[in-house]
Protein backbone atom coordinates (compact mmCIF):
# COMPACT_ATOMS: atom_id res chain seq x y z
CA VAL A 1 61.36 117.62 98.47
CA GLU A 2 62.08 116.17 95.07
CA ALA A 3 65.38 114.54 95.97
CA GLY A 4 66.87 111.13 96.62
CA GLU A 5 64.64 108.49 98.10
CA PHE A 6 62.00 111.15 98.85
CA GLN A 7 61.34 111.95 95.19
CA GLY A 8 57.66 111.58 94.42
CA HIS A 9 56.71 110.95 98.07
CA LYS A 10 55.10 113.21 100.62
CA VAL A 11 57.44 113.25 103.63
CA SER A 12 57.16 114.99 106.98
CA LEU A 13 59.73 117.54 108.07
CA TRP A 14 60.52 115.26 111.02
CA ASP A 15 61.37 112.39 108.63
CA LEU A 16 63.59 114.69 106.58
CA LEU A 17 65.35 115.96 109.71
CA HIS A 18 66.11 112.38 110.75
CA SER A 19 67.12 111.16 107.30
CA ARG A 20 70.65 110.16 106.37
CA TYR A 21 71.01 113.44 104.52
CA ILE A 22 70.99 115.59 107.67
CA PRO A 23 74.04 115.10 109.90
CA GLU A 24 73.22 114.82 113.62
CA GLU A 25 75.07 118.06 114.43
CA ASN A 26 73.00 120.00 111.89
CA ARG A 27 69.77 118.43 113.12
CA LYS A 28 70.52 119.38 116.74
CA GLU A 29 71.49 122.92 115.78
CA LEU A 30 68.34 123.44 113.70
CA LEU A 31 66.09 122.11 116.46
CA GLU A 32 67.82 124.27 119.09
CA LEU A 33 67.45 127.39 116.94
CA TYR A 34 63.79 126.58 116.29
CA GLU A 35 63.06 125.93 119.98
CA ALA A 36 64.83 129.19 120.91
CA GLY A 37 62.57 131.06 118.49
CA GLU A 38 65.47 132.11 116.26
CA LEU A 39 64.12 130.16 113.27
CA THR A 40 60.54 129.87 112.09
CA LEU A 41 59.11 126.56 110.92
CA GLU A 42 59.26 127.87 107.33
CA GLN A 43 62.96 128.66 107.74
CA VAL A 44 63.64 125.18 109.12
CA LYS A 45 61.76 123.65 106.15
CA THR A 46 63.82 125.73 103.73
CA VAL A 47 67.14 124.80 105.32
CA VAL A 48 66.28 121.09 105.55
CA SER A 49 65.01 120.99 101.96
CA THR A 50 68.17 122.68 100.73
CA ILE A 51 70.44 120.27 102.62
CA VAL A 52 68.56 117.20 101.40
CA THR A 53 68.46 118.44 97.79
CA ARG A 54 72.19 119.24 97.74
CA ALA A 55 73.17 115.98 99.45
CA ALA A 56 71.09 113.93 97.00
CA ALA A 57 72.59 115.84 94.06
CA ALA A 58 76.10 115.21 95.37
CA GLU A 59 75.32 111.49 95.64
CA ARG A 60 74.18 111.40 92.01
CA ALA A 61 77.31 113.25 90.91
CA GLU A 62 79.67 110.78 92.59
CA PRO A 63 80.16 107.72 90.40
CA ALA A 64 79.88 104.44 92.24
CA ALA A 65 83.33 103.01 92.82
CA PRO A 66 83.78 99.61 91.16
CA VAL A 67 84.51 96.72 93.51
CA SER A 68 87.37 95.61 91.30
CA GLY A 69 89.05 96.94 88.20
CA PRO A 70 90.58 100.29 87.30
CA ARG A 71 89.63 103.39 89.26
CA ALA A 72 87.57 106.06 87.54
CA GLU A 73 89.92 108.84 88.68
CA PRO A 74 93.70 108.89 88.37
CA VAL A 75 95.60 108.40 91.60
CA ALA A 76 98.71 110.44 92.37
CA THR A 77 101.91 108.42 92.49
CA GLU A 78 104.97 109.21 94.59
CA ALA A 79 106.70 110.67 91.53
CA GLU A 80 104.02 113.32 91.18
CA PRO A 81 104.07 116.32 93.51
CA THR A 82 100.93 116.79 95.58
CA PRO A 83 99.54 120.15 96.68
CA LEU A 84 99.28 118.94 100.29
CA HIS A 85 103.03 118.56 100.76
CA GLY A 86 104.74 121.92 100.73
CA ASP A 87 108.37 122.80 101.35
């Protein structure tokens, strides 16, 4: 997988499954499906690689929030209507 901290390194599927990129719920579900014979090892590899690649890409896309100073994105004020509060 050419993503995140794994870029340029050969990593086992087990290490990928237990990385910070795979939520525990997803890991358990994948292992259960594999053990039940519903997923092949190749399918598990594909799913795990996809999750890790997308998670690493999302991390790169999110700018690091500064500790102090102005925020990178505008914040809604009380004067502005928000889509979450309907009539």
